[in-house]
Amino acid sequence: MRLYAVVAAGGFRRYATYRTATAAGVFTNTVFGFIVAYTYTALWEQRPQLGGYDLSQAVTYVWLGQSLLMTCAMMGGGFEDELMDRIRTGDVAIDLYRPADLQLWWLASDLGRAAFHLLGRGIVPMALGGLVFDLTLPGNPLVWLAFLFSVFLGVLVSFAVRFLVALSAFWLLDGAGVGQITFLAGMFFSGMLLPLTLFPGLLGEVARVLPWSSLLQVPADVFLGRHTGWGLVGAFAFQAGWALALLALGRLLQSVATRRVVVQGG
């Protein structure tokens, strides 16, 4: 486990070196946060309690989305492009022969990336939004801890989805198409565009049980206190269930791909 802790720390340091890009990202998240927050303000003034949120909760939801956009890699941009490139070039064969698990290696690196983005691109936009808007902030420290744990589970789900996307390059000439479709679905079904509670009828019911809701909708509802008691346990179980299922599927495909590489190498 020490090896993977070092890999995670390396992932954190890797993204910490891009200070200009981080500053530009904070600026972009803040600008879009203000645009969407004012849009939500106009909408909620006409439709109070829309989706079960009051105006303060709705605006808080906006800033949580901006804080978690890169943390949970809702638009991609993590390790998957690098891994797909290694699969295309055949360099992944070296990775598979190393005395380290491929999935755990990239997971550790991605956790380091997520930790940096939560600190580097999550706190500042949220703080700036709080200076202008009346945000709903938890008064109980346990809610903050529950939120951070929910974010951690969301990052696991995000990684598991993107790992599957990257592994598709073993069977496709280029996994970019699969990635683009997956990330568009992630933006829509995570609740980044609109809270999933606003989706009507069957669409809303389906959207709320898809894995992408673990990336934003569930952590935001935990932060806003909409999940308490056994409801909070159920929210964690939902996220953990998707994480375990998708990670297990990724491990299965990794095993199949490893045997394929060994056969071709032999």
Protein backbone atom coordinates (compact mmCIF):
# COMPACT_ATOMS: atom_id res chain seq x y z
CA MET A 1 0.00 0.00 0.00
CA ARG A 2 2.96 2.29 0.54
CA LEU A 3 3.65 2.17 -3.19
CA TYR A 4 0.17 3.41 -4.03
CA ALA A 5 0.39 6.14 -1.40
CA VAL A 6 3.54 7.37 -3.13
CA VAL A 7 1.74 7.23 -6.51
CA ALA A 8 -1.16 9.25 -5.07
CA ALA A 9 1.23 11.86 -3.70
CA GLY A 10 2.92 11.99 -7.08
CA GLY A 11 -0.44 12.56 -8.77
CA PHE A 12 -1.10 15.47 -6.41
CA ARG A 13 2.32 17.02 -7.08
CA ARG A 14 1.97 16.52 -10.82
CA TYR A 15 -1.12 18.71 -11.03
CA ALA A 16 0.23 21.16 -8.46
CA THR A 17 3.05 22.09 -10.86
CA TYR A 18 0.58 23.60 -13.36
CA ARG A 19 -0.05 26.79 -11.41
CA THR A 20 -1.05 28.95 -14.36
CA ALA A 21 -3.52 26.34 -15.57
CA THR A 22 -4.92 26.06 -12.04
CA ALA A 23 -5.38 29.83 -11.79
CA ALA A 24 -7.08 29.87 -15.19
CA GLY A 25 -9.33 27.02 -14.07
CA VAL A 26 -10.30 28.83 -10.88
CA PHE A 27 -11.15 31.92 -12.92
CA THR A 28 -13.23 29.89 -15.39
CA ASN A 29 -15.11 28.04 -12.64
CA THR A 30 -15.82 31.31 -10.86
CA VAL A 31 -17.10 33.09 -13.98
CA PHE A 32 -19.36 30.20 -14.97
CA GLY A 33 -20.46 29.91 -11.36
CA PHE A 34 -21.69 33.50 -11.36
CA ILE A 35 -23.42 33.09 -14.72
CA VAL A 36 -25.26 29.94 -13.65
CA ALA A 37 -25.99 31.27 -10.15
CA TYR A 38 -27.68 34.39 -11.51
CA THR A 39 -29.61 32.21 -13.97
CA TYR A 40 -30.78 29.98 -11.13
CA THR A 41 -31.71 33.07 -9.11
CA ALA A 42 -33.99 34.31 -11.87
CA LEU A 43 -35.52 30.85 -12.28
CA TRP A 44 -36.10 30.23 -8.58
CA GLU A 45 -37.60 33.68 -8.06
CA GLN A 46 -40.27 32.66 -10.56
CA ARG A 47 -40.56 29.07 -9.29
CA PRO A 48 -39.77 28.96 -5.54
CA GLN A 49 -39.01 25.50 -4.12
CA LEU A 50 -38.36 24.15 -7.62
CA GLY A 51 -37.06 20.61 -7.34
CA GLY A 52 -37.43 20.76 -3.57
CA TYR A 53 -34.71 23.41 -3.15
CA ASP A 54 -35.13 26.95 -1.90
CA LEU A 55 -33.17 29.75 -3.57
CA SER A 56 -30.23 29.56 -1.17
CA GLN A 57 -29.94 25.79 -1.62
CA ALA A 58 -30.20 26.09 -5.39
CA VAL A 59 -27.38 28.64 -5.57
CA THR A 60 -25.29 26.53 -3.20
CA TYR A 61 -25.85 23.61 -5.55
CA VAL A 62 -24.38 25.70 -8.39
CA TRP A 63 -21.17 26.42 -6.49
CA LEU A 64 -20.85 22.82 -5.36
CA GLY A 65 -21.03 21.84 -9.01
CA GLN A 66 -18.22 24.21 -9.90
CA SER A 67 -16.15 22.89 -6.99
CA LEU A 68 -16.63 19.25 -7.96
CA LEU A 69 -16.47 19.63 -11.74
CA MET A 70 -12.77 18.81 -11.93
CA THR A 71 -12.59 16.89 -8.66
CA CYS A 72 -14.92 14.22 -10.03
CA ALA A 73 -13.71 14.75 -13.62
CA MET A 74 -17.26 15.10 -14.96
CA MET A 75 -15.84 16.22 -18.31
CA GLY A 76 -12.98 13.74 -18.28
CA GLY A 77 -9.46 15.07 -18.44
CA GLY A 78 -7.87 12.67 -15.98
CA PHE A 79 -5.71 9.62 -16.57
CA GLU A 80 -7.83 7.99 -19.29
CA ASP A 81 -6.24 9.77 -22.26
CA GLU A 82 -2.76 8.75 -21.14
CA LEU A 83 -3.81 5.14 -20.53
CA MET A 84 -5.56 4.91 -23.93
CA ASP A 85 -2.41 6.23 -25.58
CA ARG A 86 -0.31 3.59 -23.83
CA ILE A 87 -2.74 0.90 -24.99
CA ARG A 88 -2.59 2.14 -28.61
CA THR A 89 1.21 2.23 -28.64
CA GLY A 90 1.59 -1.10 -26.85
CA ASP A 91 3.44 0.46 -23.89
CA VAL A 92 0.72 -0.90 -21.61
CA ALA A 93 2.38 -4.32 -21.94
CA ILE A 94 5.22 -2.96 -19.81
CA ASP A 95 2.71 -1.76 -17.23
CA LEU A 96 1.02 -5.17 -17.07
CA TYR A 97 4.33 -6.94 -16.40
CA ARG A 98 5.24 -4.59 -13.55
CA PRO A 99 4.82 -5.85 -9.94
CA ALA A 100 1.98 -3.37 -9.41
CA ASP A 101 -1.70 -3.68 -10.18
CA LEU A 102 -2.71 -1.59 -13.21
CA GLN A 103 -6.10 -0.57 -11.81
CA LEU A 104 -4.78 0.33 -8.35
CA TRP A 105 -1.88 2.27 -9.85
CA TRP A 106 -4.14 4.52 -11.90
CA LEU A 107 -6.68 4.77 -9.07
CA ALA A 108 -4.01 6.02 -6.68
CA SER A 109 -2.82 8.56 -9.24
CA ASP A 110 -6.40 9.72 -9.84
CA LEU A 111 -7.08 10.12 -6.12
CA GLY A 112 -4.06 12.42 -5.94
CA ARG A 113 -5.41 14.42 -8.89
CA ALA A 114 -8.85 14.67 -7.29
CA ALA A 115 -7.43 15.82 -3.96
CA PHE A 116 -5.51 18.61 -5.67
CA HIS A 117 -8.51 19.80 -7.66
CA LEU A 118 -10.73 19.78 -4.57
CA LEU A 119 -8.26 22.02 -2.77
CA GLY A 120 -6.88 23.97 -5.73
CA ARG A 121 -10.03 24.55 -7.77
CA GLY A 122 -12.83 23.80 -5.32
CA ILE A 123 -12.37 26.07 -2.34
CA VAL A 124 -11.73 29.45 -4.01
CA PRO A 125 -14.80 29.51 -6.32
CA MET A 126 -17.02 28.40 -3.42
CA ALA A 127 -15.58 31.11 -1.18
CA LEU A 128 -16.02 33.81 -3.82
CA GLY A 129 -19.58 32.68 -4.43
CA GLY A 130 -20.23 32.91 -0.71
CA LEU A 131 -19.19 36.57 -0.72
CA VAL A 132 -21.98 37.46 -3.16
CA PHE A 133 -24.72 34.89 -2.58
CA ASP A 134 -26.44 33.58 0.53
CA LEU A 135 -25.20 30.00 0.55
CA THR A 136 -26.56 27.17 2.66
CA LEU A 137 -23.57 25.92 4.65
CA PRO A 138 -23.75 23.04 7.14
CA GLY A 139 -23.42 24.03 10.77
CA ASN A 140 -22.66 20.50 11.92
CA PRO A 141 -19.05 19.31 11.37
CA LEU A 142 -20.35 15.77 10.87
CA VAL A 143 -22.22 16.93 7.77
CA TRP A 144 -18.95 18.24 6.34
CA LEU A 145 -17.30 14.87 7.02
CA ALA A 146 -20.23 13.06 5.43
CA PHE A 147 -19.94 15.35 2.40
CA LEU A 148 -16.21 14.66 2.01
CA PHE A 149 -16.82 10.91 2.25
CA SER A 150 -19.56 11.19 -0.37
CA VAL A 151 -17.15 13.11 -2.63
CA PHE A 152 -14.57 10.36 -2.13
CA LEU A 153 -17.12 7.74 -3.20
CA GLY A 154 -18.05 9.94 -6.16
CA VAL A 155 -14.40 10.07 -7.23
CA LEU A 156 -14.25 6.26 -7.04
CA VAL A 157 -17.31 5.97 -9.30
CA SER A 158 -15.85 8.53 -11.69
CA PHE A 159 -12.55 6.66 -11.85
CA ALA A 160 -14.28 3.33 -12.41
CA VAL A 161 -16.27 4.72 -15.35
CA ARG A 162 -13.22 6.34 -16.91
CA PHE A 163 -11.12 3.20 -16.40
CA LEU A 164 -13.69 1.24 -18.39
CA VAL A 165 -13.58 3.91 -21.10
CA ALA A 166 -9.79 3.65 -21.26
CA LEU A 167 -9.87 -0.16 -21.43
CA SER A 168 -12.15 0.03 -24.46
CA ALA A 169 -9.02 0.96 -26.43
CA PHE A 170 -7.95 -2.69 -26.20
CA TRP A 171 -10.80 -3.62 -28.55
CA LEU A 172 -11.40 -0.37 -30.46
CA LEU A 173 -9.03 1.41 -32.78
CA ASP A 174 -9.66 4.62 -30.86
CA GLY A 175 -11.55 4.96 -27.59
CA ALA A 176 -12.07 8.71 -28.02
CA GLY A 177 -15.61 8.25 -29.30
CA VAL A 178 -16.60 6.15 -26.30
CA GLY A 179 -15.02 8.76 -24.06
CA GLN A 180 -16.91 11.66 -25.61
CA ILE A 181 -20.26 9.87 -25.33
CA THR A 182 -19.53 8.89 -21.73
CA PHE A 183 -18.50 12.38 -20.69
CA LEU A 184 -21.54 13.99 -22.33
CA ALA A 185 -23.70 11.53 -20.43
CA GLY A 186 -21.76 12.38 -17.29
CA MET A 187 -22.41 16.11 -17.64
CA PHE A 188 -26.13 15.51 -18.18
CA PHE A 189 -26.81 12.73 -15.69
CA SER A 190 -24.54 13.97 -12.89
CA GLY A 191 -26.81 16.96 -12.34
CA MET A 192 -24.20 19.44 -13.55
CA LEU A 193 -26.58 21.15 -15.97
CA LEU A 194 -29.66 20.95 -13.74
CA PRO A 195 -30.41 19.10 -10.49
CA LEU A 196 -31.76 15.66 -11.30
CA THR A 197 -34.78 16.37 -9.10
CA LEU A 198 -35.97 18.72 -11.86
CA PHE A 199 -36.04 15.96 -14.47
CA PRO A 200 -39.64 14.90 -15.15
CA GLY A 201 -41.22 11.46 -14.81
CA LEU A 202 -39.35 8.38 -15.97
CA LEU A 203 -36.33 10.40 -17.12
CA GLY A 204 -35.80 11.69 -13.59
CA GLU A 205 -36.22 8.26 -12.05
CA VAL A 206 -33.70 6.73 -14.45
CA ALA A 207 -31.24 9.60 -14.11
CA ARG A 208 -31.18 9.34 -10.32
CA VAL A 209 -30.21 5.64 -10.34
CA LEU A 210 -27.42 5.94 -12.92
CA PRO A 211 -23.82 5.97 -11.62
CA TRP A 212 -23.20 9.57 -12.71
CA SER A 213 -25.59 10.89 -10.05
CA SER A 214 -22.89 9.85 -7.54
CA LEU A 215 -20.58 12.55 -8.90
CA LEU A 216 -22.61 15.63 -7.96
CA GLN A 217 -26.27 15.07 -7.14
CA VAL A 218 -25.67 12.77 -4.18
CA PRO A 219 -22.75 14.74 -2.61
CA ALA A 220 -24.68 17.99 -3.06
CA ASP A 221 -27.74 16.57 -1.35
CA VAL A 222 -25.55 15.32 1.50
CA PHE A 223 -24.04 18.81 1.84
CA LEU A 224 -27.49 20.41 1.85
CA GLY A 225 -28.75 18.05 4.53
CA ARG A 226 -31.27 16.26 2.34
CA HIS A 227 -29.82 12.88 3.36
CA THR A 228 -29.85 12.18 7.09
CA GLY A 229 -30.01 9.08 9.27
CA TRP A 230 -30.75 5.93 7.30
CA GLY A 231 -31.23 8.08 4.21
CA LEU A 232 -27.57 9.07 4.46
CA VAL A 233 -26.57 5.42 4.85
CA GLY A 234 -28.63 4.63 1.77
CA ALA A 235 -26.90 7.39 -0.20
CA PHE A 236 -23.47 6.02 0.76
CA ALA A 237 -24.59 2.49 -0.08
CA PHE A 238 -25.80 3.67 -3.49
CA GLN A 239 -22.45 5.26 -4.30
CA ALA A 240 -20.40 2.40 -2.86
CA GLY A 241 -22.50 -0.15 -4.74
CA TRP A 242 -21.85 1.51 -8.07
CA ALA A 243 -18.16 1.94 -7.24
CA LEU A 244 -17.72 -1.74 -6.35
CA ALA A 245 -19.69 -2.96 -9.36
CA LEU A 246 -17.82 -0.78 -11.86
CA LEU A 247 -14.41 -1.46 -10.30
CA ALA A 248 -15.12 -5.20 -10.43
CA LEU A 249 -16.11 -4.92 -14.09
CA GLY A 250 -12.92 -2.98 -14.77
CA ARG A 251 -10.86 -5.67 -13.05
CA LEU A 252 -12.57 -8.34 -15.15
CA LEU A 253 -11.84 -6.51 -18.38
CA GLN A 254 -8.28 -5.87 -17.21
CA SER A 255 -7.81 -9.63 -16.71
CA VAL A 256 -9.18 -10.35 -20.19
CA ALA A 257 -6.94 -7.70 -21.70
CA THR A 258 -3.91 -9.05 -19.81
CA ARG A 259 -4.46 -12.54 -21.18
CA ARG A 260 -4.80 -11.07 -24.65
CA VAL A 261 -1.50 -9.21 -24.31
CA VAL A 262 0.25 -12.33 -23.00
CA VAL A 263 -1.07 -14.46 -25.87
CA GLN A 264 -0.05 -11.90 -28.48
CA GLY A 265 3.33 -11.43 -26.80
CA GLY A 266 3.87 -15.17 -26.79
